[in-house]
């Protein structure tokens, strides 16, 4: 059932995503490497995710490329059966997004909008998650464009080589 991720649902998604990011940076439970994507599994609660870092990043302000300090930048799809998360797309840009802004995700000519909260962005509905995952399986790369609270525009390009194998592996490991 598709639903808008606002209010309580947004808080739940932020909690799930934050836990996954913490696990990504802290976890030693990488169970597979699929070209440019990795698969991680954690227990208690059971959580599986496929994740990648950008191959290219461009930061600009007023049309000029600028150097900025950013935290970890990740594109991920995660599964947490106990919370009903079964293929949740999430992106963290490594900075707080501008309030009320969205992130544009382009995959081989298909464009999607991700809603932001803090340093995280995700699709509005589970139906959008499924559409994005299908496009990622067919695509060669995904470009995510966001805007920071300081006005910096970021473009992060992720390779999709190995994505299909990684996302299917993560789903199977979490019973999907």
N, C-alpha and C. Protein backbone atom coordinates (compact mmCIF):
# COMPACT_ATOMS: atom_id res chain seq x y z
N UNK A 1 0.85 -1.18 0.00
CA UNK A 1 0.00 0.00 0.00
C UNK A 1 0.89 1.24 0.00
N UNK A 2 0.65 2.11 -0.96
CA UNK A 2 1.47 3.32 -1.06
C UNK A 2 0.98 4.33 -0.04
N UNK A 3 1.90 5.05 0.55
CA UNK A 3 1.54 6.07 1.52
C UNK A 3 2.57 7.17 1.49
N UNK A 4 2.12 8.36 1.85
CA UNK A 4 3.02 9.50 1.92
C UNK A 4 3.81 9.41 3.21
N UNK A 5 5.11 9.53 3.14
CA UNK A 5 5.96 9.39 4.32
C UNK A 5 6.08 10.73 5.03
N UNK A 6 5.03 11.07 5.77
CA UNK A 6 5.05 12.31 6.54
C UNK A 6 4.76 11.98 7.98
N UNK A 7 4.99 12.93 8.86
CA UNK A 7 4.66 12.77 10.27
C UNK A 7 5.32 11.58 10.90
N UNK A 8 4.51 10.69 11.47
CA UNK A 8 5.02 9.52 12.18
C UNK A 8 5.82 8.62 11.26
N UNK A 9 5.33 8.44 10.03
CA UNK A 9 6.04 7.58 9.09
C UNK A 9 7.42 8.16 8.76
N UNK A 10 7.49 9.47 8.57
CA UNK A 10 8.78 10.11 8.29
C UNK A 10 9.74 9.92 9.46
N UNK A 11 9.22 10.04 10.67
CA UNK A 11 10.07 9.83 11.85
C UNK A 11 10.58 8.39 11.90
N UNK A 12 9.70 7.44 11.61
CA UNK A 12 10.11 6.03 11.57
C UNK A 12 11.17 5.81 10.50
N UNK A 13 10.95 6.37 9.30
CA UNK A 13 11.92 6.19 8.21
C UNK A 13 13.25 6.84 8.58
N UNK A 14 13.23 8.00 9.17
CA UNK A 14 14.47 8.65 9.58
C UNK A 14 15.22 7.77 10.58
N UNK A 15 14.48 7.18 11.50
CA UNK A 15 15.09 6.30 12.50
C UNK A 15 15.69 5.06 11.84
N UNK A 16 14.95 4.45 10.93
CA UNK A 16 15.46 3.27 10.22
C UNK A 16 16.71 3.61 9.41
N UNK A 17 16.64 4.72 8.68
CA UNK A 17 17.75 5.11 7.83
C UNK A 17 18.96 5.48 8.67
N UNK A 18 18.77 6.22 9.74
CA UNK A 18 19.89 6.60 10.59
C UNK A 18 20.56 5.36 11.17
N UNK A 19 19.76 4.39 11.58
CA UNK A 19 20.32 3.14 12.10
C UNK A 19 21.13 2.43 11.04
N UNK A 20 20.64 2.43 9.82
CA UNK A 20 21.36 1.78 8.73
C UNK A 20 22.66 2.50 8.42
N UNK A 21 22.64 3.81 8.44
CA UNK A 21 23.87 4.56 8.17
C UNK A 21 24.90 4.31 9.25
N UNK A 22 24.42 4.30 10.51
CA UNK A 22 25.34 4.01 11.60
C UNK A 22 25.95 2.62 11.38
N UNK A 23 25.10 1.67 11.03
CA UNK A 23 25.59 0.30 10.81
C UNK A 23 26.56 0.26 9.64
N UNK A 24 26.30 1.05 8.59
CA UNK A 24 27.20 1.08 7.43
C UNK A 24 28.58 1.56 7.86
N UNK A 25 28.61 2.59 8.68
CA UNK A 25 29.91 3.14 9.06
C UNK A 25 30.58 2.31 10.15
N UNK A 26 29.79 1.58 10.94
CA UNK A 26 30.33 0.81 12.06
C UNK A 26 30.40 -0.69 11.79
N UNK A 27 29.61 -1.18 10.85
CA UNK A 27 29.45 -2.61 10.67
C UNK A 27 30.68 -3.26 10.07
N UNK A 28 30.97 -4.43 10.58
CA UNK A 28 32.00 -5.27 9.97
C UNK A 28 31.33 -6.46 9.31
N UNK A 29 30.01 -6.36 9.17
CA UNK A 29 29.23 -7.48 8.65
C UNK A 29 28.92 -7.35 7.17
N UNK A 30 29.92 -6.92 6.40
CA UNK A 30 29.74 -6.91 4.96
C UNK A 30 29.78 -8.37 4.51
N UNK A 31 28.71 -8.80 3.87
CA UNK A 31 28.59 -10.21 3.49
C UNK A 31 28.83 -10.45 2.02
N UNK A 32 28.83 -9.37 1.22
CA UNK A 32 29.05 -9.54 -0.22
C UNK A 32 29.48 -8.21 -0.84
N UNK A 33 30.27 -8.31 -1.89
CA UNK A 33 30.64 -7.17 -2.71
C UNK A 33 30.23 -7.50 -4.14
N UNK A 34 29.43 -6.64 -4.72
CA UNK A 34 28.89 -6.85 -6.07
C UNK A 34 29.31 -5.66 -6.93
N UNK A 35 30.49 -5.73 -7.50
CA UNK A 35 31.08 -4.65 -8.32
C UNK A 35 31.14 -3.36 -7.49
N UNK A 36 30.25 -2.38 -7.77
CA UNK A 36 30.31 -1.09 -7.07
C UNK A 36 29.36 -1.01 -5.87
N UNK A 37 28.73 -2.11 -5.53
CA UNK A 37 27.77 -2.16 -4.42
C UNK A 37 28.18 -3.22 -3.41
N UNK A 38 27.86 -2.96 -2.15
CA UNK A 38 28.14 -3.92 -1.08
C UNK A 38 26.83 -4.29 -0.40
N UNK A 39 26.85 -5.46 0.25
CA UNK A 39 25.69 -5.94 1.01
C UNK A 39 26.12 -6.13 2.45
N UNK A 40 25.31 -5.59 3.37
CA UNK A 40 25.56 -5.71 4.80
C UNK A 40 24.36 -6.36 5.46
N UNK A 41 24.62 -7.09 6.55
CA UNK A 41 23.55 -7.71 7.33
C UNK A 41 23.86 -7.49 8.81
N UNK A 42 22.83 -7.10 9.56
CA UNK A 42 22.93 -6.97 11.01
C UNK A 42 21.78 -7.73 11.64
N UNK A 43 21.99 -8.17 12.87
CA UNK A 43 20.94 -8.85 13.62
C UNK A 43 20.47 -7.96 14.76
N UNK A 44 19.27 -8.26 15.24
CA UNK A 44 18.71 -7.66 16.45
C UNK A 44 18.55 -6.15 16.35
N UNK A 45 17.69 -5.60 15.54
CA UNK A 45 16.78 -6.34 14.68
C UNK A 45 17.46 -6.73 13.38
N UNK A 46 16.91 -7.73 12.72
CA UNK A 46 17.45 -8.16 11.43
C UNK A 46 17.29 -7.02 10.44
N UNK A 47 18.39 -6.69 9.78
CA UNK A 47 18.42 -5.59 8.83
C UNK A 47 19.44 -5.93 7.76
N UNK A 48 19.07 -5.75 6.50
CA UNK A 48 19.96 -6.02 5.38
C UNK A 48 19.92 -4.80 4.46
N UNK A 49 21.05 -4.46 3.88
CA UNK A 49 21.05 -3.34 2.94
C UNK A 49 22.14 -3.48 1.91
N UNK A 50 21.83 -2.91 0.73
CA UNK A 50 22.82 -2.76 -0.33
C UNK A 50 23.16 -1.27 -0.34
N UNK A 51 24.44 -0.98 -0.57
CA UNK A 51 24.89 0.41 -0.43
C UNK A 51 26.07 0.69 -1.36
N UNK A 52 26.16 1.95 -1.78
CA UNK A 52 27.28 2.37 -2.61
C UNK A 52 27.64 3.82 -2.29
N UNK A 53 28.85 4.19 -2.64
CA UNK A 53 29.32 5.57 -2.51
C UNK A 53 29.44 6.16 -3.91
N UNK A 54 29.41 7.48 -4.04
CA UNK A 54 29.46 8.08 -5.38
C UNK A 54 30.80 7.89 -6.08
N UNK A 55 30.72 7.77 -7.38
CA UNK A 55 31.93 7.70 -8.22
C UNK A 55 32.41 9.11 -8.57
N UNK A 56 31.47 10.06 -8.56
CA UNK A 56 31.82 11.44 -8.89
C UNK A 56 30.94 12.37 -8.07
N UNK A 57 31.54 13.46 -7.58
CA UNK A 57 30.81 14.46 -6.82
C UNK A 57 31.23 15.84 -7.31
N UNK A 58 30.23 16.70 -7.56
CA UNK A 58 30.49 18.09 -7.95
C UNK A 58 29.67 18.98 -7.02
N UNK A 59 30.34 19.92 -6.37
CA UNK A 59 29.69 20.87 -5.47
C UNK A 59 29.82 22.25 -6.10
N UNK A 60 28.71 22.99 -6.16
CA UNK A 60 28.78 24.32 -6.78
C UNK A 60 27.91 25.31 -6.03
N UNK A 61 28.30 26.55 -6.15
CA UNK A 61 27.55 27.67 -5.57
C UNK A 61 27.62 28.80 -6.58
N UNK A 62 26.46 29.36 -6.89
CA UNK A 62 26.38 30.45 -7.88
C UNK A 62 27.03 30.06 -9.19
N UNK A 63 26.87 28.80 -9.59
CA UNK A 63 27.39 28.32 -10.87
C UNK A 63 28.88 28.01 -10.89
N UNK A 64 29.58 28.15 -9.76
CA UNK A 64 31.02 27.89 -9.71
C UNK A 64 31.29 26.68 -8.83
N UNK A 65 32.19 25.83 -9.26
CA UNK A 65 32.58 24.66 -8.47
C UNK A 65 33.30 25.14 -7.22
N UNK A 66 32.91 24.59 -6.06
CA UNK A 66 33.51 24.98 -4.79
C UNK A 66 33.89 23.74 -4.00
N UNK A 67 34.86 23.92 -3.12
CA UNK A 67 35.26 22.84 -2.21
C UNK A 67 34.41 22.98 -0.94
N UNK A 68 33.83 21.88 -0.49
CA UNK A 68 33.03 21.89 0.73
C UNK A 68 33.35 20.66 1.55
N UNK A 69 33.10 20.75 2.84
CA UNK A 69 33.25 19.58 3.72
C UNK A 69 31.91 18.88 3.82
N UNK A 70 31.90 17.59 3.48
CA UNK A 70 30.68 16.80 3.57
C UNK A 70 30.99 15.52 4.33
N UNK A 71 30.00 15.02 5.00
CA UNK A 71 30.12 13.73 5.67
C UNK A 71 29.94 12.61 4.65
N UNK A 72 29.68 11.43 5.17
CA UNK A 72 29.53 10.25 4.33
C UNK A 72 28.33 10.41 3.39
N UNK A 73 28.54 10.12 2.10
CA UNK A 73 27.51 10.21 1.09
C UNK A 73 27.20 8.80 0.61
N UNK A 74 25.94 8.37 0.79
CA UNK A 74 25.56 6.99 0.50
C UNK A 74 24.22 6.93 -0.22
N UNK A 75 24.12 5.98 -1.14
CA UNK A 75 22.85 5.61 -1.75
C UNK A 75 22.61 4.17 -1.33
N UNK A 76 21.43 3.88 -0.80
CA UNK A 76 21.19 2.55 -0.26
C UNK A 76 19.75 2.10 -0.48
N UNK A 77 19.60 0.79 -0.42
CA UNK A 77 18.27 0.18 -0.39
C UNK A 77 18.31 -0.78 0.79
N UNK A 78 17.35 -0.63 1.72
CA UNK A 78 17.42 -1.48 2.89
C UNK A 78 16.13 -2.21 3.18
N UNK A 79 16.29 -3.26 3.97
CA UNK A 79 15.21 -4.16 4.37
C UNK A 79 15.29 -4.34 5.87
N UNK A 80 14.18 -4.14 6.55
CA UNK A 80 14.07 -4.45 7.97
C UNK A 80 12.68 -5.05 8.17
N UNK A 81 12.62 -6.39 8.10
CA UNK A 81 11.31 -7.06 8.16
C UNK A 81 10.45 -6.66 9.35
N UNK A 82 11.03 -6.46 10.51
CA UNK A 82 10.24 -6.14 11.71
C UNK A 82 9.54 -4.79 11.60
N UNK A 83 10.03 -3.91 10.74
CA UNK A 83 9.43 -2.59 10.58
C UNK A 83 8.66 -2.48 9.26
N UNK A 84 8.58 -3.58 8.51
CA UNK A 84 7.88 -3.56 7.24
C UNK A 84 8.64 -2.86 6.13
N UNK A 85 9.92 -2.62 6.32
CA UNK A 85 10.75 -1.98 5.29
C UNK A 85 11.24 -3.07 4.34
N UNK A 86 10.72 -3.07 3.13
CA UNK A 86 11.05 -4.12 2.17
C UNK A 86 11.46 -3.47 0.85
N UNK A 87 12.68 -2.96 0.81
CA UNK A 87 13.17 -2.28 -0.38
C UNK A 87 12.97 -0.78 -0.29
N UNK A 88 13.48 -0.18 0.77
CA UNK A 88 13.37 1.27 1.00
C UNK A 88 14.60 1.96 0.43
N UNK A 89 14.40 2.86 -0.51
CA UNK A 89 15.50 3.64 -1.10
C UNK A 89 15.80 4.81 -0.18
N UNK A 90 17.06 5.08 0.07
CA UNK A 90 17.45 6.21 0.90
C UNK A 90 18.77 6.78 0.41
N UNK A 91 18.93 8.08 0.60
CA UNK A 91 20.14 8.79 0.21
C UNK A 91 20.53 9.73 1.33
N UNK A 92 21.80 9.74 1.68
CA UNK A 92 22.31 10.76 2.58
C UNK A 92 23.41 11.52 1.85
N UNK A 93 23.27 12.85 1.85
CA UNK A 93 24.21 13.69 1.13
C UNK A 93 25.41 14.12 1.94
N UNK A 94 25.44 13.79 3.23
CA UNK A 94 26.57 14.18 4.06
C UNK A 94 26.50 15.62 4.54
N UNK A 95 25.30 16.21 4.49
CA UNK A 95 25.08 17.57 4.96
C UNK A 95 23.58 17.74 5.18
N UNK A 96 23.17 18.74 5.96
CA UNK A 96 21.74 19.01 6.10
C UNK A 96 21.19 19.67 4.83
N UNK A 97 20.14 19.07 4.29
CA UNK A 97 19.52 19.64 3.10
C UNK A 97 18.78 20.92 3.46
N UNK A 98 18.61 21.81 2.48
CA UNK A 98 17.85 23.03 2.69
C UNK A 98 16.42 22.66 3.11
N UNK A 99 15.90 23.37 4.08
CA UNK A 99 14.56 23.11 4.59
C UNK A 99 13.54 23.16 3.45
N UNK A 100 12.69 22.14 3.38
CA UNK A 100 11.65 22.10 2.36
C UNK A 100 12.13 21.74 0.96
N UNK A 101 13.41 21.45 0.81
CA UNK A 101 13.94 21.13 -0.52
C UNK A 101 13.71 19.65 -0.84
N UNK A 102 13.93 19.32 -2.09
CA UNK A 102 13.87 17.93 -2.53
C UNK A 102 15.19 17.59 -3.23
N UNK A 103 15.44 16.31 -3.42
CA UNK A 103 16.59 15.83 -4.17
C UNK A 103 16.05 15.25 -5.47
N UNK A 104 16.66 15.61 -6.57
CA UNK A 104 16.28 15.04 -7.87
C UNK A 104 17.19 13.86 -8.15
N UNK A 105 16.59 12.75 -8.52
CA UNK A 105 17.33 11.54 -8.85
C UNK A 105 17.07 11.23 -10.31
N UNK A 106 18.14 11.19 -11.12
CA UNK A 106 18.02 10.88 -12.54
C UNK A 106 18.70 9.55 -12.82
N UNK A 107 17.95 8.65 -13.45
CA UNK A 107 18.46 7.33 -13.82
C UNK A 107 18.11 7.10 -15.29
N UNK A 108 19.11 7.18 -16.15
CA UNK A 108 18.92 6.91 -17.58
C UNK A 108 17.69 7.60 -18.17
N UNK A 109 17.55 8.90 -17.89
CA UNK A 109 16.44 9.67 -18.46
C UNK A 109 15.16 9.63 -17.64
N UNK A 110 15.11 8.82 -16.60
CA UNK A 110 13.95 8.80 -15.70
C UNK A 110 14.28 9.67 -14.50
N UNK A 111 13.35 10.57 -14.16
CA UNK A 111 13.58 11.49 -13.05
C UNK A 111 12.62 11.18 -11.91
N UNK A 112 13.15 11.22 -10.68
CA UNK A 112 12.37 10.96 -9.48
C UNK A 112 12.66 12.06 -8.46
N UNK A 113 11.71 12.31 -7.59
CA UNK A 113 11.87 13.31 -6.55
C UNK A 113 11.94 12.62 -5.20
N UNK A 114 12.95 12.98 -4.41
CA UNK A 114 13.11 12.47 -3.06
C UNK A 114 12.87 13.61 -2.09
N UNK A 115 12.13 13.34 -1.04
CA UNK A 115 11.84 14.34 -0.03
C UNK A 115 12.93 14.29 1.03
N UNK A 116 13.22 15.43 1.63
CA UNK A 116 14.34 15.52 2.56
C UNK A 116 13.89 15.80 3.98
N UNK A 117 14.73 15.36 4.90
CA UNK A 117 14.61 15.72 6.31
C UNK A 117 16.00 15.58 6.91
N UNK A 118 16.55 16.68 7.40
CA UNK A 118 17.92 16.65 7.92
C UNK A 118 18.89 16.30 6.80
N UNK A 119 19.69 15.25 7.03
CA UNK A 119 20.69 14.83 6.03
C UNK A 119 20.18 13.70 5.14
N UNK A 120 18.89 13.36 5.23
CA UNK A 120 18.35 12.19 4.53
C UNK A 120 17.31 12.57 3.51
N UNK A 121 17.21 11.73 2.46
CA UNK A 121 16.18 11.91 1.43
C UNK A 121 15.66 10.53 1.03
N UNK A 122 14.36 10.46 0.75
CA UNK A 122 13.76 9.20 0.33
C UNK A 122 12.51 9.49 -0.48
N UNK A 123 12.05 8.49 -1.24
CA UNK A 123 10.82 8.66 -2.03
C UNK A 123 9.60 8.84 -1.14
N UNK A 124 8.53 9.40 -1.70
CA UNK A 124 7.32 9.68 -0.94
C UNK A 124 6.52 8.43 -0.64
N UNK A 125 6.55 7.45 -1.51
CA UNK A 125 5.70 6.27 -1.33
C UNK A 125 6.48 4.98 -1.58
N UNK A 126 5.92 3.89 -1.09
CA UNK A 126 6.53 2.59 -1.36
C UNK A 126 6.44 2.26 -2.84
N UNK A 127 5.41 2.76 -3.52
CA UNK A 127 5.30 2.58 -4.97
C UNK A 127 6.46 3.27 -5.68
N UNK A 128 6.83 4.46 -5.21
CA UNK A 128 7.98 5.17 -5.79
C UNK A 128 9.28 4.40 -5.53
N UNK A 129 9.42 3.80 -4.34
CA UNK A 129 10.59 2.96 -4.07
C UNK A 129 10.71 1.88 -5.14
N UNK A 130 9.60 1.19 -5.41
CA UNK A 130 9.61 0.10 -6.39
C UNK A 130 9.97 0.60 -7.79
N UNK A 131 9.45 1.76 -8.18
CA UNK A 131 9.76 2.33 -9.50
C UNK A 131 11.24 2.69 -9.59
N UNK A 132 11.78 3.26 -8.53
CA UNK A 132 13.19 3.66 -8.53
C UNK A 132 14.08 2.42 -8.59
N UNK A 133 13.77 1.41 -7.80
CA UNK A 133 14.57 0.18 -7.81
C UNK A 133 14.53 -0.46 -9.20
N UNK A 134 13.37 -0.49 -9.84
CA UNK A 134 13.27 -1.05 -11.20
C UNK A 134 14.14 -0.25 -12.18
N UNK A 135 14.11 1.08 -12.07
CA UNK A 135 14.93 1.92 -12.95
C UNK A 135 16.42 1.70 -12.67
N UNK A 136 16.78 1.55 -11.40
CA UNK A 136 18.18 1.33 -11.04
C UNK A 136 18.68 0.00 -11.60
N UNK A 137 17.82 -1.01 -11.64
CA UNK A 137 18.21 -2.32 -12.19
C UNK A 137 18.50 -2.22 -13.69
N UNK A 138 17.82 -1.30 -14.37
CA UNK A 138 18.01 -1.15 -15.82
C UNK A 138 19.08 -0.12 -16.17
N UNK A 139 19.41 0.76 -15.23
CA UNK A 139 20.29 1.89 -15.53
C UNK A 139 21.76 1.61 -15.37
N UNK A 140 22.57 2.56 -15.84
CA UNK A 140 24.03 2.47 -15.72
C UNK A 140 24.54 3.31 -14.55
N UNK A 141 23.86 4.44 -14.29
CA UNK A 141 24.24 5.26 -13.15
C UNK A 141 23.04 6.05 -12.67
N UNK A 142 23.16 6.57 -11.44
CA UNK A 142 22.13 7.40 -10.84
C UNK A 142 22.79 8.70 -10.40
N UNK A 143 22.20 9.83 -10.82
CA UNK A 143 22.73 11.14 -10.43
C UNK A 143 21.72 11.78 -9.48
N UNK A 144 22.20 12.16 -8.31
CA UNK A 144 21.35 12.80 -7.30
C UNK A 144 21.80 14.24 -7.11
N UNK A 145 20.86 15.16 -7.26
CA UNK A 145 21.14 16.59 -7.15
C UNK A 145 20.35 17.16 -5.99
N UNK A 146 21.07 17.75 -5.04
CA UNK A 146 20.44 18.32 -3.86
C UNK A 146 20.98 19.70 -3.57
N UNK A 147 20.38 20.34 -2.56
CA UNK A 147 20.82 21.68 -2.16
C UNK A 147 20.94 21.72 -0.64
N UNK A 148 22.09 22.18 -0.19
CA UNK A 148 22.33 22.25 1.26
C UNK A 148 21.67 23.48 1.87
N UNK A 149 21.60 23.47 3.18
CA UNK A 149 21.07 24.61 3.90
C UNK A 149 21.90 25.87 3.70
N UNK A 150 23.13 25.70 3.25
CA UNK A 150 24.01 26.85 2.99
C UNK A 150 23.96 27.30 1.53
N UNK A 151 23.12 26.64 0.73
CA UNK A 151 22.95 27.05 -0.66
C UNK A 151 23.86 26.36 -1.66
N UNK A 152 24.62 25.38 -1.22
CA UNK A 152 25.50 24.65 -2.14
C UNK A 152 24.68 23.60 -2.88
N UNK A 153 24.84 23.56 -4.20
CA UNK A 153 24.21 22.51 -4.98
C UNK A 153 25.20 21.36 -5.09
N UNK A 154 24.71 20.14 -4.88
CA UNK A 154 25.56 18.97 -4.98
C UNK A 154 25.03 18.04 -6.06
N UNK A 155 25.94 17.45 -6.80
CA UNK A 155 25.61 16.41 -7.78
C UNK A 155 26.49 15.21 -7.49
N UNK A 156 25.86 14.11 -7.11
CA UNK A 156 26.58 12.88 -6.80
C UNK A 156 26.15 11.82 -7.80
N UNK A 157 27.14 11.23 -8.46
CA UNK A 157 26.85 10.20 -9.45
C UNK A 157 27.30 8.85 -8.93
N UNK A 158 26.36 7.92 -8.86
CA UNK A 158 26.60 6.56 -8.38
C UNK A 158 26.56 5.58 -9.54
N UNK A 159 27.55 4.71 -9.62
CA UNK A 159 27.52 3.62 -10.59
C UNK A 159 26.46 2.62 -10.16
N UNK A 160 25.78 2.03 -11.12
CA UNK A 160 24.80 1.00 -10.82
C UNK A 160 25.31 -0.39 -11.20
N UNK A 161 26.62 -0.48 -11.48
CA UNK A 161 27.21 -1.79 -11.76
C UNK A 161 27.17 -2.64 -10.49
N UNK A 162 26.51 -3.77 -10.56
CA UNK A 162 26.39 -4.65 -9.41
C UNK A 162 25.16 -4.39 -8.57
N UNK A 163 24.38 -3.34 -8.92
CA UNK A 163 23.21 -3.00 -8.11
C UNK A 163 22.20 -4.14 -8.04
N UNK A 164 21.83 -4.69 -9.19
CA UNK A 164 20.80 -5.73 -9.21
C UNK A 164 21.20 -6.91 -8.33
N UNK A 165 22.43 -7.39 -8.48
CA UNK A 165 22.89 -8.52 -7.66
C UNK A 165 22.87 -8.16 -6.18
N UNK A 166 23.31 -6.94 -5.85
CA UNK A 166 23.37 -6.53 -4.44
C UNK A 166 21.99 -6.38 -3.82
N UNK A 167 21.07 -5.73 -4.52
CA UNK A 167 19.75 -5.50 -3.94
C UNK A 167 18.98 -6.81 -3.82
N UNK A 168 19.14 -7.70 -4.78
CA UNK A 168 18.47 -9.00 -4.69
C UNK A 168 19.06 -9.84 -3.57
N UNK A 169 20.37 -9.78 -3.39
CA UNK A 169 21.03 -10.50 -2.31
C UNK A 169 20.54 -9.99 -0.95
N UNK A 170 20.51 -8.68 -0.78
CA UNK A 170 20.05 -8.09 0.48
C UNK A 170 18.60 -8.49 0.76
N UNK A 171 17.77 -8.44 -0.26
CA UNK A 171 16.36 -8.83 -0.09
C UNK A 171 16.20 -10.27 0.33
N UNK A 172 16.96 -11.15 -0.29
CA UNK A 172 16.87 -12.58 0.05
C UNK A 172 17.35 -12.83 1.48
N UNK A 173 18.39 -12.15 1.88
CA UNK A 173 18.94 -12.35 3.22
C UNK A 173 17.96 -11.90 4.31
N UNK A 174 17.07 -10.98 3.95
CA UNK A 174 16.08 -10.52 4.92
C UNK A 174 14.69 -11.07 4.61
N UNK A 175 14.65 -12.18 3.91
CA UNK A 175 13.39 -12.87 3.69
C UNK A 175 12.52 -12.30 2.61
N UNK A 176 13.08 -11.40 1.77
CA UNK A 176 12.27 -10.78 0.71
C UNK A 176 12.27 -11.55 -0.57
